[in-house]
Amino acid sequence: MTYVIGAGCVDVKDRACIEECPVDCIYEGKRMLYIQPDECVDCGACEPVCPVEAIFYEDDVPGEQSNFTRYNAEFFDIAGVGSPGGASGTDVLEHDHPGVAGRPGTLGGNT
């Protein structure tokens, strides 16, 4: 099991979760952050610090956001970022999962 970043992160990318993650498994795409499922140790440190409540335990992802579980996992295949790697050694990845890239934009984002 792992944690998943959902729709609330799209165009927000607060990054508080990155600071809390003890295993450096949260990577930054162009429009949102992604948790590398093979690197996540399920500690849950990221979840309570997310100001938009976009992080869920895999079993608790709301039904309407269930596709984000797949988006988080597939992003790393698309990005060509293998595991283990650690996000701090990686720049912002200038793309997103196609399911995120094709979403309508939100107002007030920090992208």
N, C-alpha and C. Protein backbone atom coordinates (compact mmCIF):
# COMPACT_ATOMS: atom_id res chain seq x y z
N MET A 1 0.83 -1.19 0.00
CA MET A 1 0.00 0.00 0.00
C MET A 1 0.88 1.25 0.00
N THR A 2 0.26 2.36 -0.38
CA THR A 2 0.98 3.63 -0.48
C THR A 2 0.01 4.78 -0.31
N TYR A 3 0.53 5.97 -0.26
CA TYR A 3 -0.29 7.17 -0.26
C TYR A 3 -0.39 7.69 -1.69
N VAL A 4 -1.45 8.43 -1.96
CA VAL A 4 -1.75 8.91 -3.31
C VAL A 4 -2.07 10.40 -3.22
N ILE A 5 -1.56 11.15 -4.17
CA ILE A 5 -1.91 12.57 -4.27
C ILE A 5 -3.02 12.69 -5.30
N GLY A 6 -4.10 13.37 -4.91
CA GLY A 6 -5.29 13.47 -5.75
C GLY A 6 -5.47 14.82 -6.41
N ALA A 7 -6.68 15.02 -6.89
CA ALA A 7 -7.04 16.17 -7.72
C ALA A 7 -6.81 17.52 -7.04
N GLY A 8 -6.89 17.57 -5.74
CA GLY A 8 -6.71 18.84 -5.04
C GLY A 8 -5.34 19.47 -5.23
N CYS A 9 -4.38 18.68 -5.65
CA CYS A 9 -3.02 19.19 -5.85
C CYS A 9 -2.82 19.82 -7.23
N VAL A 10 -3.68 19.50 -8.17
CA VAL A 10 -3.50 20.00 -9.54
C VAL A 10 -3.52 21.53 -9.53
N ASP A 11 -2.47 22.11 -10.05
CA ASP A 11 -2.26 23.56 -10.14
C ASP A 11 -2.11 24.24 -8.79
N VAL A 12 -1.89 23.49 -7.71
CA VAL A 12 -1.66 24.07 -6.39
C VAL A 12 -0.22 23.81 -5.94
N LYS A 13 0.19 22.55 -5.89
CA LYS A 13 1.55 22.13 -5.54
C LYS A 13 2.11 22.90 -4.34
N ASP A 14 1.46 22.80 -3.20
CA ASP A 14 1.89 23.51 -1.98
C ASP A 14 3.30 23.13 -1.53
N ARG A 15 3.68 21.88 -1.68
CA ARG A 15 5.00 21.35 -1.36
C ARG A 15 5.28 21.11 0.13
N ALA A 16 4.33 21.38 1.01
CA ALA A 16 4.54 21.10 2.43
C ALA A 16 4.80 19.62 2.64
N CYS A 17 4.18 18.78 1.84
CA CYS A 17 4.35 17.33 1.96
C CYS A 17 5.79 16.91 1.65
N ILE A 18 6.42 17.61 0.73
CA ILE A 18 7.80 17.29 0.36
C ILE A 18 8.72 17.47 1.57
N GLU A 19 8.49 18.54 2.32
CA GLU A 19 9.31 18.83 3.50
C GLU A 19 9.13 17.77 4.59
N GLU A 20 7.95 17.19 4.68
CA GLU A 20 7.65 16.20 5.72
C GLU A 20 8.05 14.79 5.38
N CYS A 21 8.19 14.48 4.11
CA CYS A 21 8.45 13.10 3.69
C CYS A 21 9.86 12.65 4.11
N PRO A 22 9.95 11.64 4.98
CA PRO A 22 11.27 11.21 5.45
C PRO A 22 12.04 10.35 4.44
N VAL A 23 11.37 9.88 3.39
CA VAL A 23 12.05 9.02 2.42
C VAL A 23 12.18 9.66 1.04
N ASP A 24 11.81 10.94 0.91
CA ASP A 24 12.05 11.69 -0.32
C ASP A 24 11.37 11.05 -1.53
N CYS A 25 10.09 10.67 -1.37
CA CYS A 25 9.40 9.95 -2.44
C CYS A 25 8.35 10.78 -3.16
N ILE A 26 8.31 12.09 -2.93
CA ILE A 26 7.32 12.95 -3.57
C ILE A 26 8.01 13.78 -4.64
N TYR A 27 7.60 13.57 -5.87
CA TYR A 27 8.23 14.20 -7.03
C TYR A 27 7.29 15.27 -7.59
N GLU A 28 7.87 16.25 -8.25
CA GLU A 28 7.09 17.36 -8.77
C GLU A 28 6.97 17.29 -10.29
N GLY A 29 5.73 17.20 -10.75
CA GLY A 29 5.44 17.30 -12.17
C GLY A 29 5.10 18.74 -12.51
N LYS A 30 4.72 18.98 -13.72
CA LYS A 30 4.43 20.35 -14.16
C LYS A 30 3.22 20.95 -13.43
N ARG A 31 2.16 20.15 -13.22
CA ARG A 31 0.93 20.68 -12.62
C ARG A 31 0.60 20.13 -11.25
N MET A 32 1.25 19.03 -10.83
CA MET A 32 0.96 18.47 -9.52
C MET A 32 2.14 17.66 -9.01
N LEU A 33 2.04 17.23 -7.76
CA LEU A 33 3.06 16.38 -7.14
C LEU A 33 2.60 14.93 -7.23
N TYR A 34 3.56 14.01 -7.20
CA TYR A 34 3.27 12.58 -7.33
C TYR A 34 4.09 11.80 -6.30
N ILE A 35 3.47 10.79 -5.70
CA ILE A 35 4.17 9.91 -4.76
C ILE A 35 4.62 8.66 -5.51
N GLN A 36 5.91 8.37 -5.42
CA GLN A 36 6.49 7.17 -6.05
C GLN A 36 6.08 5.98 -5.18
N PRO A 37 5.18 5.12 -5.66
CA PRO A 37 4.64 4.05 -4.82
C PRO A 37 5.67 3.03 -4.34
N ASP A 38 6.74 2.83 -5.09
CA ASP A 38 7.76 1.87 -4.66
C ASP A 38 8.67 2.45 -3.59
N GLU A 39 8.72 3.76 -3.47
CA GLU A 39 9.57 4.41 -2.47
C GLU A 39 8.80 4.77 -1.20
N CYS A 40 7.49 4.93 -1.30
CA CYS A 40 6.67 5.31 -0.15
C CYS A 40 6.69 4.20 0.90
N VAL A 41 6.92 4.58 2.16
CA VAL A 41 6.95 3.60 3.25
C VAL A 41 5.69 3.65 4.11
N ASP A 42 4.67 4.33 3.61
CA ASP A 42 3.37 4.39 4.28
C ASP A 42 3.41 5.00 5.68
N CYS A 43 4.30 5.95 5.90
CA CYS A 43 4.40 6.56 7.22
C CYS A 43 3.25 7.53 7.49
N GLY A 44 2.69 8.13 6.42
CA GLY A 44 1.58 9.05 6.55
C GLY A 44 1.95 10.46 6.96
N ALA A 45 3.24 10.79 7.03
CA ALA A 45 3.66 12.13 7.46
C ALA A 45 3.17 13.22 6.52
N CYS A 46 2.99 12.90 5.26
CA CYS A 46 2.58 13.88 4.26
C CYS A 46 1.12 14.29 4.37
N GLU A 47 0.28 13.36 4.76
CA GLU A 47 -1.17 13.58 4.72
C GLU A 47 -1.64 14.76 5.58
N PRO A 48 -1.27 14.84 6.86
CA PRO A 48 -1.83 15.93 7.68
C PRO A 48 -1.30 17.32 7.34
N VAL A 49 -0.17 17.43 6.65
CA VAL A 49 0.37 18.76 6.35
C VAL A 49 -0.15 19.33 5.04
N CYS A 50 -0.88 18.56 4.26
CA CYS A 50 -1.40 19.04 2.99
C CYS A 50 -2.55 20.02 3.25
N PRO A 51 -2.38 21.29 2.89
CA PRO A 51 -3.42 22.28 3.20
C PRO A 51 -4.69 22.14 2.37
N VAL A 52 -4.63 21.40 1.28
CA VAL A 52 -5.82 21.21 0.45
C VAL A 52 -6.38 19.79 0.55
N GLU A 53 -5.85 19.01 1.49
CA GLU A 53 -6.32 17.65 1.76
C GLU A 53 -6.35 16.80 0.49
N ALA A 54 -5.25 16.86 -0.26
CA ALA A 54 -5.16 16.13 -1.53
C ALA A 54 -4.47 14.78 -1.40
N ILE A 55 -4.01 14.42 -0.20
CA ILE A 55 -3.26 13.17 -0.01
C ILE A 55 -4.13 12.18 0.74
N PHE A 56 -4.18 10.96 0.19
CA PHE A 56 -5.01 9.91 0.76
C PHE A 56 -4.23 8.61 0.87
N TYR A 57 -4.54 7.82 1.89
CA TYR A 57 -4.07 6.45 1.93
C TYR A 57 -4.73 5.74 0.75
N GLU A 58 -4.03 4.87 0.09
CA GLU A 58 -4.51 4.23 -1.14
C GLU A 58 -5.93 3.67 -1.02
N ASP A 59 -6.25 3.06 0.10
CA ASP A 59 -7.59 2.48 0.29
C ASP A 59 -8.66 3.54 0.55
N ASP A 60 -8.24 4.77 0.83
CA ASP A 60 -9.18 5.83 1.19
C ASP A 60 -9.37 6.89 0.11
N VAL A 61 -8.82 6.68 -1.08
CA VAL A 61 -8.99 7.64 -2.17
C VAL A 61 -10.47 7.70 -2.52
N PRO A 62 -11.06 8.91 -2.54
CA PRO A 62 -12.49 9.00 -2.88
C PRO A 62 -12.76 8.41 -4.26
N GLY A 63 -13.90 7.79 -4.41
CA GLY A 63 -14.26 7.12 -5.66
C GLY A 63 -14.10 7.97 -6.90
N GLU A 64 -14.48 9.24 -6.81
CA GLU A 64 -14.39 10.11 -7.98
C GLU A 64 -12.94 10.46 -8.32
N GLN A 65 -12.00 10.13 -7.44
CA GLN A 65 -10.58 10.39 -7.70
C GLN A 65 -9.77 9.09 -7.82
N SER A 66 -10.44 7.97 -7.93
CA SER A 66 -9.74 6.69 -7.94
C SER A 66 -8.71 6.59 -9.06
N ASN A 67 -8.92 7.31 -10.15
CA ASN A 67 -7.95 7.29 -11.24
C ASN A 67 -6.60 7.88 -10.84
N PHE A 68 -6.55 8.68 -9.79
CA PHE A 68 -5.28 9.26 -9.36
C PHE A 68 -4.34 8.22 -8.75
N THR A 69 -4.86 7.12 -8.27
CA THR A 69 -3.98 6.03 -7.82
C THR A 69 -3.15 5.54 -9.00
N ARG A 70 -3.80 5.34 -10.11
CA ARG A 70 -3.11 4.91 -11.34
C ARG A 70 -2.20 6.03 -11.86
N TYR A 71 -2.68 7.27 -11.83
CA TYR A 71 -1.87 8.39 -12.32
C TYR A 71 -0.55 8.48 -11.56
N ASN A 72 -0.60 8.34 -10.22
CA ASN A 72 0.61 8.43 -9.42
C ASN A 72 1.60 7.33 -9.81
N ALA A 73 1.12 6.12 -10.00
CA ALA A 73 2.01 5.01 -10.35
C ALA A 73 2.54 5.13 -11.77
N GLU A 74 1.66 5.42 -12.72
CA GLU A 74 2.06 5.46 -14.13
C GLU A 74 2.94 6.67 -14.46
N PHE A 75 2.83 7.73 -13.68
CA PHE A 75 3.65 8.92 -13.92
C PHE A 75 5.14 8.56 -13.99
N PHE A 76 5.57 7.64 -13.14
CA PHE A 76 6.99 7.31 -13.06
C PHE A 76 7.46 6.49 -14.26
N ASP A 77 6.58 5.70 -14.84
CA ASP A 77 6.91 5.01 -16.08
C ASP A 77 7.04 6.02 -17.22
N ILE A 78 6.10 6.95 -17.27
CA ILE A 78 6.10 7.98 -18.31
C ILE A 78 7.32 8.90 -18.16
N ALA A 79 7.65 9.26 -16.92
CA ALA A 79 8.75 10.19 -16.66
C ALA A 79 10.11 9.53 -16.82
N GLY A 80 10.13 8.21 -16.79
CA GLY A 80 11.41 7.51 -16.88
C GLY A 80 12.23 7.65 -15.61
N VAL A 81 11.54 7.87 -14.49
CA VAL A 81 12.20 7.99 -13.20
C VAL A 81 12.06 6.67 -12.49
N GLY A 82 13.17 5.99 -12.31
CA GLY A 82 13.13 4.68 -11.68
C GLY A 82 13.18 4.76 -10.18
N SER A 83 13.00 3.65 -9.53
CA SER A 83 13.04 3.57 -8.09
C SER A 83 14.10 2.56 -7.69
N PRO A 84 14.83 2.76 -6.62
CA PRO A 84 14.78 3.97 -5.82
C PRO A 84 15.58 5.08 -6.47
N GLY A 85 15.23 6.27 -6.16
CA GLY A 85 15.92 7.40 -6.74
C GLY A 85 15.99 8.56 -5.78
N GLY A 86 14.87 8.93 -5.23
CA GLY A 86 14.83 10.07 -4.34
C GLY A 86 14.54 11.35 -5.11
N ALA A 87 13.51 12.03 -4.72
CA ALA A 87 13.06 13.22 -5.43
C ALA A 87 14.04 14.38 -5.36
N SER A 88 14.80 14.50 -4.28
CA SER A 88 15.68 15.66 -4.15
C SER A 88 16.76 15.69 -5.21
N GLY A 89 17.07 14.57 -5.82
CA GLY A 89 18.06 14.54 -6.89
C GLY A 89 17.47 14.74 -8.26
N THR A 90 16.18 15.11 -8.30
CA THR A 90 15.46 15.26 -9.56
C THR A 90 14.89 16.67 -9.65
N ASP A 91 15.05 17.30 -10.79
CA ASP A 91 14.43 18.60 -11.02
C ASP A 91 12.93 18.43 -11.20
N VAL A 92 12.22 19.55 -11.29
CA VAL A 92 10.80 19.50 -11.63
C VAL A 92 10.69 18.82 -12.99
N LEU A 93 9.85 17.82 -13.07
CA LEU A 93 9.65 17.09 -14.32
C LEU A 93 8.63 17.87 -15.14
N GLU A 94 8.99 18.27 -16.30
CA GLU A 94 8.20 19.20 -17.10
C GLU A 94 7.04 18.54 -17.85
N HIS A 95 6.42 17.58 -17.25
CA HIS A 95 5.25 16.94 -17.82
C HIS A 95 4.41 16.38 -16.68
N ASP A 96 3.29 15.82 -17.01
CA ASP A 96 2.40 15.18 -16.04
C ASP A 96 1.84 13.92 -16.68
N HIS A 97 1.14 13.15 -15.88
CA HIS A 97 0.40 12.03 -16.43
C HIS A 97 -0.62 12.62 -17.40
N PRO A 98 -0.89 11.98 -18.53
CA PRO A 98 -1.86 12.52 -19.48
C PRO A 98 -3.23 12.81 -18.86
N GLY A 99 -3.62 12.05 -17.87
CA GLY A 99 -4.90 12.29 -17.19
C GLY A 99 -4.90 13.58 -16.40
N VAL A 100 -3.74 14.04 -16.00
CA VAL A 100 -3.61 15.32 -15.29
C VAL A 100 -3.38 16.44 -16.29
N ALA A 101 -2.52 16.20 -17.25
CA ALA A 101 -2.19 17.23 -18.25
C ALA A 101 -3.43 17.68 -19.02
N GLY A 102 -4.38 16.79 -19.22
CA GLY A 102 -5.58 17.11 -19.97
C GLY A 102 -6.71 17.70 -19.16
N ARG A 103 -6.51 17.83 -17.85
CA ARG A 103 -7.56 18.39 -16.99
C ARG A 103 -7.67 19.90 -17.21
N PRO A 104 -8.88 20.44 -17.07
CA PRO A 104 -9.02 21.89 -17.14
C PRO A 104 -8.20 22.56 -16.04
N GLY A 105 -7.71 23.74 -16.31
CA GLY A 105 -6.92 24.48 -15.31
C GLY A 105 -7.78 24.97 -14.16
N THR A 106 -7.11 25.29 -13.05
CA THR A 106 -7.82 25.86 -11.90
C THR A 106 -7.29 27.26 -11.66
N LEU A 107 -8.08 28.06 -11.05
CA LEU A 107 -7.68 29.44 -10.76
C LEU A 107 -6.86 29.49 -9.47
N GLY A 108 -5.89 30.39 -9.44
CA GLY A 108 -5.11 30.61 -8.23
C GLY A 108 -4.04 29.60 -7.98
N GLY A 109 -3.66 28.80 -8.96
CA GLY A 109 -2.61 27.80 -8.78
C GLY A 109 -1.24 28.41 -8.73
N ASN A 110 -0.28 27.62 -8.28
CA ASN A 110 1.11 28.08 -8.13
C ASN A 110 2.03 27.46 -9.17
N THR A 111 1.55 27.15 -10.34
CA THR A 111 2.41 26.47 -11.31
C THR A 111 3.38 27.38 -11.98
